[in-house]
Amino acid sequence: RKLAAGGAAILYTTHYLPEVEQLGADVAILHEGRIRLAGHL
């Protein structure tokens, strides 16, 4: 959060979805080699 607030662009991969919700991150779903969905949480 602090790094993003300081202006860093962060690509964050995870299997633990509550982390994404805690971060309030934007979301992109990669499935079968393609981005199937991208948007605000």
PDB file of all heavy atoms in Angstrom:
ATOM      1  N   ARG A   1       0.834  -1.212   0.000  1.00  0.00           N
ATOM      2  CA  ARG A   1       0.000   0.000   0.000  1.00  0.00           C
ATOM      3  C   ARG A   1       0.864   1.255   0.000  1.00  0.00           C
ATOM      4  O   ARG A   1       0.599   2.219  -0.738  1.00  0.00           O
ATOM      5  CB  ARG A   1      -0.915   0.011   1.225  1.00  0.00           C
ATOM      6  CG  ARG A   1      -1.993  -1.060   1.238  1.00  0.00           C
ATOM      7  CD  ARG A   1      -2.959  -0.822   2.385  1.00  0.00           C
ATOM      8  NE  ARG A   1      -3.780  -1.993   2.642  1.00  0.00           N
ATOM      9  CZ  ARG A   1      -3.485  -2.928   3.551  1.00  0.00           C
ATOM     10  NH1 ARG A   1      -2.407  -2.796   4.300  1.00  0.00           N
ATOM     11  NH2 ARG A   1      -4.285  -3.965   3.719  1.00  0.00           N
ATOM     12  N   LYS A   2       1.886   1.278   0.839  1.00  0.00           N
ATOM     13  CA  LYS A   2       2.753   2.448   0.942  1.00  0.00           C
ATOM     14  C   LYS A   2       3.515   2.701  -0.360  1.00  0.00           C
ATOM     15  O   LYS A   2       3.669   3.849  -0.789  1.00  0.00           O
ATOM     16  CB  LYS A   2       3.747   2.274   2.100  1.00  0.00           C
ATOM     17  CG  LYS A   2       3.105   2.329   3.474  1.00  0.00           C
ATOM     18  CD  LYS A   2       4.134   2.088   4.583  1.00  0.00           C
ATOM     19  CE  LYS A   2       3.490   2.163   5.962  1.00  0.00           C
ATOM     20  NZ  LYS A   2       4.467   1.847   7.042  1.00  0.00           N
ATOM     21  N   LEU A   3       3.994   1.624  -0.978  1.00  0.00           N
ATOM     22  CA  LEU A   3       4.733   1.778  -2.229  1.00  0.00           C
ATOM     23  C   LEU A   3       3.817   2.338  -3.323  1.00  0.00           C
ATOM     24  O   LEU A   3       4.230   3.212  -4.097  1.00  0.00           O
ATOM     25  CB  LEU A   3       5.312   0.432  -2.662  1.00  0.00           C
ATOM     26  CG  LEU A   3       6.443  -0.114  -1.781  1.00  0.00           C
ATOM     27  CD1 LEU A   3       6.755  -1.558  -2.156  1.00  0.00           C
ATOM     28  CD2 LEU A   3       7.690   0.745  -1.901  1.00  0.00           C
ATOM     29  N   ALA A   4       2.589   1.846  -3.389  1.00  0.00           N
ATOM     30  CA  ALA A   4       1.640   2.362  -4.378  1.00  0.00           C
ATOM     31  C   ALA A   4       1.305   3.821  -4.085  1.00  0.00           C
ATOM     32  O   ALA A   4       1.214   4.650  -5.006  1.00  0.00           O
ATOM     33  CB  ALA A   4       0.376   1.511  -4.391  1.00  0.00           C
ATOM     34  N   ALA A   5       1.123   4.146  -2.809  1.00  0.00           N
ATOM     35  CA  ALA A   5       0.830   5.532  -2.435  1.00  0.00           C
ATOM     36  C   ALA A   5       1.974   6.453  -2.821  1.00  0.00           C
ATOM     37  O   ALA A   5       1.761   7.645  -3.099  1.00  0.00           O
ATOM     38  CB  ALA A   5       0.554   5.622  -0.937  1.00  0.00           C
ATOM     39  N   GLY A   6       3.188   5.900  -2.863  1.00  0.00           N
ATOM     40  CA  GLY A   6       4.357   6.679  -3.270  1.00  0.00           C
ATOM     41  C   GLY A   6       4.539   6.767  -4.775  1.00  0.00           C
ATOM     42  O   GLY A   6       5.493   7.380  -5.251  1.00  0.00           O
ATOM     43  N   GLY A   7       3.630   6.122  -5.528  1.00  0.00           N
ATOM     44  CA  GLY A   7       3.663   6.241  -6.985  1.00  0.00           C
ATOM     45  C   GLY A   7       4.124   5.014  -7.738  1.00  0.00           C
ATOM     46  O   GLY A   7       4.141   5.017  -8.978  1.00  0.00           O
ATOM     47  N   ALA A   8       4.510   3.939  -7.035  1.00  0.00           N
ATOM     48  CA  ALA A   8       4.970   2.740  -7.734  1.00  0.00           C
ATOM     49  C   ALA A   8       3.809   2.052  -8.455  1.00  0.00           C
ATOM     50  O   ALA A   8       2.680   2.038  -7.967  1.00  0.00           O
ATOM     51  CB  ALA A   8       5.610   1.763  -6.752  1.00  0.00           C
ATOM     52  N   ALA A   9       4.097   1.501  -9.627  1.00  0.00           N
ATOM     53  CA  ALA A   9       3.139   0.670 -10.368  1.00  0.00           C
ATOM     54  C   ALA A   9       3.440  -0.775  -9.999  1.00  0.00           C
ATOM     55  O   ALA A   9       4.555  -1.253 -10.215  1.00  0.00           O
ATOM     56  CB  ALA A   9       3.301   0.882 -11.865  1.00  0.00           C
ATOM     57  N   ILE A  10       2.462  -1.482  -9.434  1.00  0.00           N
ATOM     58  CA  ILE A  10       2.712  -2.804  -8.857  1.00  0.00           C
ATOM     59  C   ILE A  10       1.844  -3.861  -9.520  1.00  0.00           C
ATOM     60  O   ILE A  10       0.612  -3.762  -9.523  1.00  0.00           O
ATOM     61  CB  ILE A  10       2.449  -2.791  -7.335  1.00  0.00           C
ATOM     62  CG1 ILE A  10       3.334  -1.736  -6.660  1.00  0.00           C
ATOM     63  CG2 ILE A  10       2.700  -4.172  -6.732  1.00  0.00           C
ATOM     64  CD1 ILE A  10       3.029  -1.524  -5.193  1.00  0.00           C
ATOM     65  N   LEU A  11       2.502  -4.870 -10.092  1.00  0.00           N
ATOM     66  CA  LEU A  11       1.811  -6.053 -10.601  1.00  0.00           C
ATOM     67  C   LEU A  11       1.967  -7.142  -9.553  1.00  0.00           C
ATOM     68  O   LEU A  11       3.080  -7.534  -9.203  1.00  0.00           O
ATOM     69  CB  LEU A  11       2.404  -6.508 -11.931  1.00  0.00           C
ATOM     70  CG  LEU A  11       1.690  -7.692 -12.599  1.00  0.00           C
ATOM     71  CD1 LEU A  11       0.265  -7.310 -12.995  1.00  0.00           C
ATOM     72  CD2 LEU A  11       2.460  -8.179 -13.827  1.00  0.00           C
ATOM     73  N   TYR A  12       0.832  -7.634  -9.053  1.00  0.00           N
ATOM     74  CA  TYR A  12       0.812  -8.476  -7.854  1.00  0.00           C
ATOM     75  C   TYR A  12       0.087  -9.779  -8.176  1.00  0.00           C
ATOM     76  O   TYR A  12      -1.115  -9.763  -8.422  1.00  0.00           O
ATOM     77  CB  TYR A  12       0.070  -7.709  -6.754  1.00  0.00           C
ATOM     78  CG  TYR A  12       0.094  -8.303  -5.373  1.00  0.00           C
ATOM     79  CD1 TYR A  12       0.940  -7.784  -4.397  1.00  0.00           C
ATOM     80  CD2 TYR A  12      -0.748  -9.344  -5.017  1.00  0.00           C
ATOM     81  CE1 TYR A  12       0.947  -8.290  -3.108  1.00  0.00           C
ATOM     82  CE2 TYR A  12      -0.736  -9.866  -3.743  1.00  0.00           C
ATOM     83  CZ  TYR A  12       0.109  -9.334  -2.794  1.00  0.00           C
ATOM     84  OH  TYR A  12       0.116  -9.851  -1.509  1.00  0.00           O
ATOM     85  N   THR A  13       0.801 -10.897  -8.214  1.00  0.00           N
ATOM     86  CA  THR A  13       0.141 -12.171  -8.456  1.00  0.00           C
ATOM     87  C   THR A  13      -0.059 -12.893  -7.130  1.00  0.00           C
ATOM     88  O   THR A  13       0.808 -12.860  -6.256  1.00  0.00           O
ATOM     89  CB  THR A  13       0.932 -13.078  -9.415  1.00  0.00           C
ATOM     90  OG1 THR A  13       1.991 -13.718  -8.705  1.00  0.00           O
ATOM     91  CG2 THR A  13       1.481 -12.291 -10.586  1.00  0.00           C
ATOM     92  N   THR A  14      -1.206 -13.533  -6.990  1.00  0.00           N
ATOM     93  CA  THR A  14      -1.492 -14.257  -5.755  1.00  0.00           C
ATOM     94  C   THR A  14      -2.605 -15.267  -5.994  1.00  0.00           C
ATOM     95  O   THR A  14      -3.419 -15.120  -6.910  1.00  0.00           O
ATOM     96  CB  THR A  14      -1.899 -13.288  -4.625  1.00  0.00           C
ATOM     97  OG1 THR A  14      -2.099 -14.025  -3.415  1.00  0.00           O
ATOM     98  CG2 THR A  14      -3.187 -12.548  -4.965  1.00  0.00           C
ATOM     99  N   HIS A  15      -2.638 -16.312  -5.155  1.00  0.00           N
ATOM    100  CA  HIS A  15      -3.758 -17.236  -5.117  1.00  0.00           C
ATOM    101  C   HIS A  15      -4.644 -16.965  -3.910  1.00  0.00           C
ATOM    102  O   HIS A  15      -5.668 -17.618  -3.735  1.00  0.00           O
ATOM    103  CB  HIS A  15      -3.261 -18.690  -5.047  1.00  0.00           C
ATOM    104  CG  HIS A  15      -2.806 -19.229  -6.361  1.00  0.00           C
ATOM    105  ND1 HIS A  15      -1.495 -19.203  -6.765  1.00  0.00           N
ATOM    106  CD2 HIS A  15      -3.505 -19.794  -7.376  1.00  0.00           C
ATOM    107  CE1 HIS A  15      -1.404 -19.752  -7.977  1.00  0.00           C
ATOM    108  NE2 HIS A  15      -2.604 -20.114  -8.362  1.00  0.00           N
ATOM    109  N   TYR A  16      -4.233 -16.014  -3.078  1.00  0.00           N
ATOM    110  CA  TYR A  16      -4.959 -15.751  -1.837  1.00  0.00           C
ATOM    111  C   TYR A  16      -5.825 -14.518  -2.032  1.00  0.00           C
ATOM    112  O   TYR A  16      -5.395 -13.386  -1.846  1.00  0.00           O
ATOM    113  CB  TYR A  16      -3.968 -15.571  -0.688  1.00  0.00           C
ATOM    114  CG  TYR A  16      -4.611 -15.634   0.676  1.00  0.00           C
ATOM    115  CD1 TYR A  16      -5.164 -16.823   1.148  1.00  0.00           C
ATOM    116  CD2 TYR A  16      -4.674 -14.518   1.478  1.00  0.00           C
ATOM    117  CE1 TYR A  16      -5.761 -16.889   2.396  1.00  0.00           C
ATOM    118  CE2 TYR A  16      -5.272 -14.571   2.727  1.00  0.00           C
ATOM    119  CZ  TYR A  16      -5.806 -15.759   3.184  1.00  0.00           C
ATOM    120  OH  TYR A  16      -6.404 -15.820   4.411  1.00  0.00           O
ATOM    121  N   LEU A  17      -7.075 -14.736  -2.420  1.00  0.00           N
ATOM    122  CA  LEU A  17      -7.944 -13.636  -2.834  1.00  0.00           C
ATOM    123  C   LEU A  17      -8.257 -12.617  -1.739  1.00  0.00           C
ATOM    124  O   LEU A  17      -8.441 -11.435  -2.059  1.00  0.00           O
ATOM    125  CB  LEU A  17      -9.229 -14.202  -3.431  1.00  0.00           C
ATOM    126  CG  LEU A  17      -9.039 -15.089  -4.665  1.00  0.00           C
ATOM    127  CD1 LEU A  17     -10.387 -15.467  -5.258  1.00  0.00           C
ATOM    128  CD2 LEU A  17      -8.177 -14.411  -5.712  1.00  0.00           C
ATOM    129  N   PRO A  18      -8.356 -12.997  -0.459  1.00  0.00           N
ATOM    130  CA  PRO A  18      -8.579 -11.963   0.558  1.00  0.00           C
ATOM    131  C   PRO A  18      -7.509 -10.873   0.555  1.00  0.00           C
ATOM    132  O   PRO A  18      -7.788  -9.729   0.920  1.00  0.00           O
ATOM    133  CB  PRO A  18      -8.569 -12.761   1.874  1.00  0.00           C
ATOM    134  CG  PRO A  18      -9.088 -14.110   1.484  1.00  0.00           C
ATOM    135  CD  PRO A  18      -8.480 -14.363   0.121  1.00  0.00           C
ATOM    136  N   GLU A  19      -6.284 -11.211   0.132  1.00  0.00           N
ATOM    137  CA  GLU A  19      -5.244 -10.178   0.030  1.00  0.00           C
ATOM    138  C   GLU A  19      -5.646  -9.095  -0.967  1.00  0.00           C
ATOM    139  O   GLU A  19      -5.433  -7.907  -0.725  1.00  0.00           O
ATOM    140  CB  GLU A  19      -3.921 -10.804  -0.422  1.00  0.00           C
ATOM    141  CG  GLU A  19      -3.239 -11.650   0.610  1.00  0.00           C
ATOM    142  CD  GLU A  19      -1.912 -12.183   0.118  1.00  0.00           C
ATOM    143  OE1 GLU A  19      -1.557 -11.963  -1.063  1.00  0.00           O
ATOM    144  OE2 GLU A  19      -1.222 -12.825   0.909  1.00  0.00           O
ATOM    145  N   VAL A  20      -6.205  -9.517  -2.078  1.00  0.00           N
ATOM    146  CA  VAL A  20      -6.612  -8.569  -3.113  1.00  0.00           C
ATOM    147  C   VAL A  20      -7.696  -7.645  -2.571  1.00  0.00           C
ATOM    148  O   VAL A  20      -7.685  -6.429  -2.799  1.00  0.00           O
ATOM    149  CB  VAL A  20      -7.113  -9.312  -4.363  1.00  0.00           C
ATOM    150  CG1 VAL A  20      -7.518  -8.329  -5.447  1.00  0.00           C
ATOM    151  CG2 VAL A  20      -6.034 -10.272  -4.879  1.00  0.00           C
ATOM    152  N   GLU A  21      -8.640  -8.228  -1.824  1.00  0.00           N
ATOM    153  CA  GLU A  21      -9.711  -7.432  -1.237  1.00  0.00           C
ATOM    154  C   GLU A  21      -9.180  -6.483  -0.174  1.00  0.00           C
ATOM    155  O   GLU A  21      -9.624  -5.337  -0.070  1.00  0.00           O
ATOM    156  CB  GLU A  21     -10.785  -8.363  -0.672  1.00  0.00           C
ATOM    157  CG  GLU A  21     -11.486  -9.175  -1.762  1.00  0.00           C
ATOM    158  CD  GLU A  21     -12.447 -10.220  -1.241  1.00  0.00           C
ATOM    159  OE1 GLU A  21     -12.101 -10.903  -0.256  1.00  0.00           O
ATOM    160  OE2 GLU A  21     -13.534 -10.364  -1.820  1.00  0.00           O
ATOM    161  N   GLN A  22      -8.208  -6.940   0.608  1.00  0.00           N
ATOM    162  CA  GLN A  22      -7.615  -6.073   1.628  1.00  0.00           C
ATOM    163  C   GLN A  22      -6.849  -4.914   1.003  1.00  0.00           C
ATOM    164  O   GLN A  22      -6.832  -3.807   1.538  1.00  0.00           O
ATOM    165  CB  GLN A  22      -6.690  -6.894   2.533  1.00  0.00           C
ATOM    166  CG  GLN A  22      -7.418  -7.871   3.441  1.00  0.00           C
ATOM    167  CD  GLN A  22      -6.474  -8.872   4.089  1.00  0.00           C
ATOM    168  OE1 GLN A  22      -5.358  -8.531   4.473  1.00  0.00           O
ATOM    169  NE2 GLN A  22      -6.915 -10.117   4.204  1.00  0.00           N
ATOM    170  N   LEU A  23      -6.220  -5.177  -0.115  1.00  0.00           N
ATOM    171  CA  LEU A  23      -5.471  -4.129  -0.808  1.00  0.00           C
ATOM    172  C   LEU A  23      -6.387  -3.175  -1.577  1.00  0.00           C
ATOM    173  O   LEU A  23      -5.984  -2.061  -1.919  1.00  0.00           O
ATOM    174  CB  LEU A  23      -4.472  -4.748  -1.787  1.00  0.00           C
ATOM    175  CG  LEU A  23      -3.240  -5.423  -1.186  1.00  0.00           C
ATOM    176  CD1 LEU A  23      -2.495  -6.207  -2.263  1.00  0.00           C
ATOM    177  CD2 LEU A  23      -2.314  -4.390  -0.548  1.00  0.00           C
ATOM    178  N   GLY A  24      -7.613  -3.632  -1.873  1.00  0.00           N
ATOM    179  CA  GLY A  24      -8.483  -2.842  -2.737  1.00  0.00           C
ATOM    180  C   GLY A  24      -7.895  -2.712  -4.123  1.00  0.00           C
ATOM    181  O   GLY A  24      -8.068  -1.702  -4.813  1.00  0.00           O
ATOM    182  N   ALA A  25      -7.175  -3.758  -4.548  1.00  0.00           N
ATOM    183  CA  ALA A  25      -6.449  -3.718  -5.819  1.00  0.00           C
ATOM    184  C   ALA A  25      -7.402  -3.830  -6.997  1.00  0.00           C
ATOM    185  O   ALA A  25      -8.523  -4.333  -6.880  1.00  0.00           O
ATOM    186  CB  ALA A  25      -5.437  -4.862  -5.876  1.00  0.00           C
ATOM    187  N   ASP A  26      -6.947  -3.360  -8.148  1.00  0.00           N
ATOM    188  CA  ASP A  26      -7.644  -3.651  -9.392  1.00  0.00           C
ATOM    189  C   ASP A  26      -7.338  -5.099  -9.770  1.00  0.00           C
ATOM    190  O   ASP A  26      -6.376  -5.698  -9.260  1.00  0.00           O
ATOM    191  CB  ASP A  26      -7.211  -2.688 -10.494  1.00  0.00           C
ATOM    192  CG  ASP A  26      -7.645  -1.264 -10.198  1.00  0.00           C
ATOM    193  OD1 ASP A  26      -8.816  -1.073  -9.832  1.00  0.00           O
ATOM    194  OD2 ASP A  26      -6.810  -0.351 -10.307  1.00  0.00           O
ATOM    195  N   VAL A  27      -8.131  -5.660 -10.653  1.00  0.00           N
ATOM    196  CA  VAL A  27      -8.075  -7.094 -10.916  1.00  0.00           C
ATOM    197  C   VAL A  27      -7.981  -7.369 -12.409  1.00  0.00           C
ATOM    198  O   VAL A  27      -8.674  -6.740 -13.213  1.00  0.00           O
ATOM    199  CB  VAL A  27      -9.333  -7.791 -10.353  1.00  0.00           C
ATOM    200  CG1 VAL A  27      -9.356  -9.267 -10.728  1.00  0.00           C
ATOM    201  CG2 VAL A  27      -9.398  -7.634  -8.832  1.00  0.00           C
ATOM    202  N   ALA A  28      -7.114  -8.321 -12.773  1.00  0.00           N
ATOM    203  CA  ALA A  28      -7.088  -8.879 -14.123  1.00  0.00           C
ATOM    204  C   ALA A  28      -7.028 -10.394 -13.972  1.00  0.00           C
ATOM    205  O   ALA A  28      -6.198 -10.905 -13.215  1.00  0.00           O
ATOM    206  CB  ALA A  28      -5.886  -8.371 -14.915  1.00  0.00           C
ATOM    207  N   ILE A  29      -7.913 -11.100 -14.659  1.00  0.00           N
ATOM    208  CA  ILE A  29      -7.960 -12.556 -14.573  1.00  0.00           C
ATOM    209  C   ILE A  29      -7.409 -13.154 -15.860  1.00  0.00           C
ATOM    210  O   ILE A  29      -7.939 -12.916 -16.948  1.00  0.00           O
ATOM    211  CB  ILE A  29      -9.387 -13.055 -14.312  1.00  0.00           C
ATOM    212  CG1 ILE A  29      -9.881 -12.530 -12.958  1.00  0.00           C
ATOM    213  CG2 ILE A  29      -9.437 -14.583 -14.337  1.00  0.00           C
ATOM    214  CD1 ILE A  29     -11.306 -12.935 -12.618  1.00  0.00           C
ATOM    215  N   LEU A  30      -6.328 -13.915 -15.722  1.00  0.00           N
ATOM    216  CA  LEU A  30      -5.674 -14.589 -16.847  1.00  0.00           C
ATOM    217  C   LEU A  30      -6.115 -16.040 -16.845  1.00  0.00           C
ATOM    218  O   LEU A  30      -5.923 -16.762 -15.858  1.00  0.00           O
ATOM    219  CB  LEU A  30      -4.152 -14.488 -16.692  1.00  0.00           C
ATOM    220  CG  LEU A  30      -3.281 -15.101 -17.786  1.00  0.00           C
ATOM    221  CD1 LEU A  30      -3.500 -14.393 -19.117  1.00  0.00           C
ATOM    222  CD2 LEU A  30      -1.805 -15.033 -17.391  1.00  0.00           C
ATOM    223  N   HIS A  31      -6.724 -16.458 -17.934  1.00  0.00           N
ATOM    224  CA  HIS A  31      -7.258 -17.820 -18.007  1.00  0.00           C
ATOM    225  C   HIS A  31      -7.091 -18.346 -19.422  1.00  0.00           C
ATOM    226  O   HIS A  31      -7.462 -17.686 -20.390  1.00  0.00           O
ATOM    227  CB  HIS A  31      -8.740 -17.813 -17.618  1.00  0.00           C
ATOM    228  CG  HIS A  31      -9.363 -19.175 -17.557  1.00  0.00           C
ATOM    229  ND1 HIS A  31      -8.814 -20.231 -16.870  1.00  0.00           N
ATOM    230  CD2 HIS A  31     -10.514 -19.661 -18.106  1.00  0.00           C
ATOM    231  CE1 HIS A  31      -9.572 -21.293 -16.985  1.00  0.00           C
ATOM    232  NE2 HIS A  31     -10.618 -20.987 -17.746  1.00  0.00           N
ATOM    233  N   GLU A  32      -6.478 -19.521 -19.524  1.00  0.00           N
ATOM    234  CA  GLU A  32      -6.230 -20.161 -20.820  1.00  0.00           C
ATOM    235  C   GLU A  32      -5.500 -19.213 -21.769  1.00  0.00           C
ATOM    236  O   GLU A  32      -5.808 -19.123 -22.958  1.00  0.00           O
ATOM    237  CB  GLU A  32      -7.550 -20.652 -21.426  1.00  0.00           C
ATOM    238  CG  GLU A  32      -8.200 -21.747 -20.585  1.00  0.00           C
ATOM    239  CD  GLU A  32      -9.518 -22.237 -21.150  1.00  0.00           C
ATOM    240  OE1 GLU A  32     -10.095 -21.516 -22.010  1.00  0.00           O
ATOM    241  OE2 GLU A  32      -9.978 -23.318 -20.740  1.00  0.00           O
ATOM    242  N   GLY A  33      -4.511 -18.506 -21.220  1.00  0.00           N
ATOM    243  CA  GLY A  33      -3.621 -17.688 -22.026  1.00  0.00           C
ATOM    244  C   GLY A  33      -4.114 -16.306 -22.383  1.00  0.00           C
ATOM    245  O   GLY A  33      -3.420 -15.565 -23.075  1.00  0.00           O
ATOM    246  N   ARG A  34      -5.309 -15.942 -21.925  1.00  0.00           N
ATOM    247  CA  ARG A  34      -5.878 -14.637 -22.286  1.00  0.00           C
ATOM    248  C   ARG A  34      -6.406 -13.918 -21.041  1.00  0.00           C
ATOM    249  O   ARG A  34      -6.791 -14.556 -20.068  1.00  0.00           O
ATOM    250  CB  ARG A  34      -7.021 -14.805 -23.291  1.00  0.00           C
ATOM    251  CG  ARG A  34      -6.612 -15.524 -24.576  1.00  0.00           C
ATOM    252  CD  ARG A  34      -7.787 -15.642 -25.535  1.00  0.00           C
ATOM    253  NE  ARG A  34      -7.455 -16.461 -26.689  1.00  0.00           N
ATOM    254  CZ  ARG A  34      -6.809 -16.005 -27.768  1.00  0.00           C
ATOM    255  NH1 ARG A  34      -6.460 -14.728 -27.825  1.00  0.00           N
ATOM    256  NH2 ARG A  34      -6.532 -16.809 -28.777  1.00  0.00           N
ATOM    257  N   ILE A  35      -6.418 -12.589 -21.114  1.00  0.00           N
ATOM    258  CA  ILE A  35      -7.044 -11.803 -20.069  1.00  0.00           C
ATOM    259  C   ILE A  35      -8.552 -11.870 -20.295  1.00  0.00           C
ATOM    260  O   ILE A  35      -9.070 -11.354 -21.286  1.00  0.00           O
ATOM    261  CB  ILE A  35      -6.565 -10.336 -20.083  1.00  0.00           C
ATOM    262  CG1 ILE A  35      -5.052 -10.258 -19.810  1.00  0.00           C
ATOM    263  CG2 ILE A  35      -7.333  -9.518 -19.042  1.00  0.00           C
ATOM    264  CD1 ILE A  35      -4.634 -10.722 -18.433  1.00  0.00           C
ATOM    265  N   ARG A  36      -9.254 -12.530 -19.386  1.00  0.00           N
ATOM    266  CA  ARG A  36     -10.693 -12.734 -19.537  1.00  0.00           C
ATOM    267  C   ARG A  36     -11.498 -11.587 -18.925  1.00  0.00           C
ATOM    268  O   ARG A  36     -12.658 -11.379 -19.294  1.00  0.00           O
ATOM    269  CB  ARG A  36     -11.110 -14.047 -18.859  1.00  0.00           C
ATOM    270  CG  ARG A  36     -10.423 -15.277 -19.428  1.00  0.00           C
ATOM    271  CD  ARG A  36     -10.785 -15.485 -20.896  1.00  0.00           C
ATOM    272  NE  ARG A  36     -10.128 -16.685 -21.429  1.00  0.00           N
ATOM    273  CZ  ARG A  36     -10.264 -17.096 -22.680  1.00  0.00           C
ATOM    274  NH1 ARG A  36     -11.029 -16.418 -23.518  1.00  0.00           N
ATOM    275  NH2 ARG A  36      -9.632 -18.182 -23.097  1.00  0.00           N
ATOM    276  N   LEU A  37     -10.888 -10.875 -17.996  1.00  0.00           N
ATOM    277  CA  LEU A  37     -11.603  -9.829 -17.294  1.00  0.00           C
ATOM    278  C   LEU A  37     -10.609  -8.891 -16.644  1.00  0.00           C
ATOM    279  O   LEU A  37      -9.586  -9.328 -16.108  1.00  0.00           O
ATOM    280  CB  LEU A  37     -12.495 -10.456 -16.206  1.00  0.00           C
ATOM    281  CG  LEU A  37     -13.170  -9.511 -15.222  1.00  0.00           C
ATOM    282  CD1 LEU A  37     -14.235  -8.689 -15.949  1.00  0.00           C
ATOM    283  CD2 LEU A  37     -13.805 -10.299 -14.085  1.00  0.00           C
ATOM    284  N   ALA A  38     -10.864  -7.592 -16.716  1.00  0.00           N
ATOM    285  CA  ALA A  38     -10.034  -6.606 -16.024  1.00  0.00           C
ATOM    286  C   ALA A  38     -10.928  -5.470 -15.569  1.00  0.00           C
ATOM    287  O   ALA A  38     -11.792  -5.012 -16.329  1.00  0.00           O
ATOM    288  CB  ALA A  38      -8.926  -6.084 -16.949  1.00  0.00           C
ATOM    289  N   GLY A  39     -10.741  -5.038 -14.341  1.00  0.00           N
ATOM    290  CA  GLY A  39     -11.567  -3.952 -13.838  1.00  0.00           C
ATOM    291  C   GLY A  39     -11.290  -3.657 -12.388  1.00  0.00           C
ATOM    292  O   GLY A  39     -10.466  -4.327 -11.740  1.00  0.00           O
ATOM    293  N   HIS A  40     -11.966  -2.646 -11.860  1.00  0.00           N
ATOM    294  CA  HIS A  40     -11.867  -2.334 -10.443  1.00  0.00           C
ATOM    295  C   HIS A  40     -12.479  -3.479  -9.641  1.00  0.00           C
ATOM    296  O   HIS A  40     -13.439  -4.124 -10.076  1.00  0.00           O
ATOM    297  CB  HIS A  40     -12.598  -1.027 -10.126  1.00  0.00           C
ATOM    298  CG  HIS A  40     -11.983   0.170 -10.798  1.00  0.00           C
ATOM    299  ND1 HIS A  40     -10.729   0.623 -10.494  1.00  0.00           N
ATOM    300  CD2 HIS A  40     -12.462   1.011 -11.749  1.00  0.00           C
ATOM    301  CE1 HIS A  40     -10.459   1.689 -11.234  1.00  0.00           C
ATOM    302  NE2 HIS A  40     -11.484   1.939 -12.009  1.00  0.00           N
ATOM    303  N   LEU A  41     -11.965  -3.715  -8.470  1.00  0.00           N
ATOM    304  CA  LEU A  41     -12.428  -4.813  -7.621  1.00  0.00           C
ATOM    305  C   LEU A  41     -13.942  -4.770  -7.419  1.00  0.00           C
ATOM    306  O   LEU A  41     -14.635  -5.777  -7.617  1.00  0.00           O
ATOM    307  CB  LEU A  41     -11.708  -4.750  -6.267  1.00  0.00           C
ATOM    308  CG  LEU A  41     -12.163  -5.746  -5.199  1.00  0.00           C
ATOM    309  CD1 LEU A  41     -11.929  -7.176  -5.663  1.00  0.00           C
ATOM    310  CD2 LEU A  41     -11.434  -5.478  -3.894  1.00  0.00           C
TER     311      LEU A  41
END
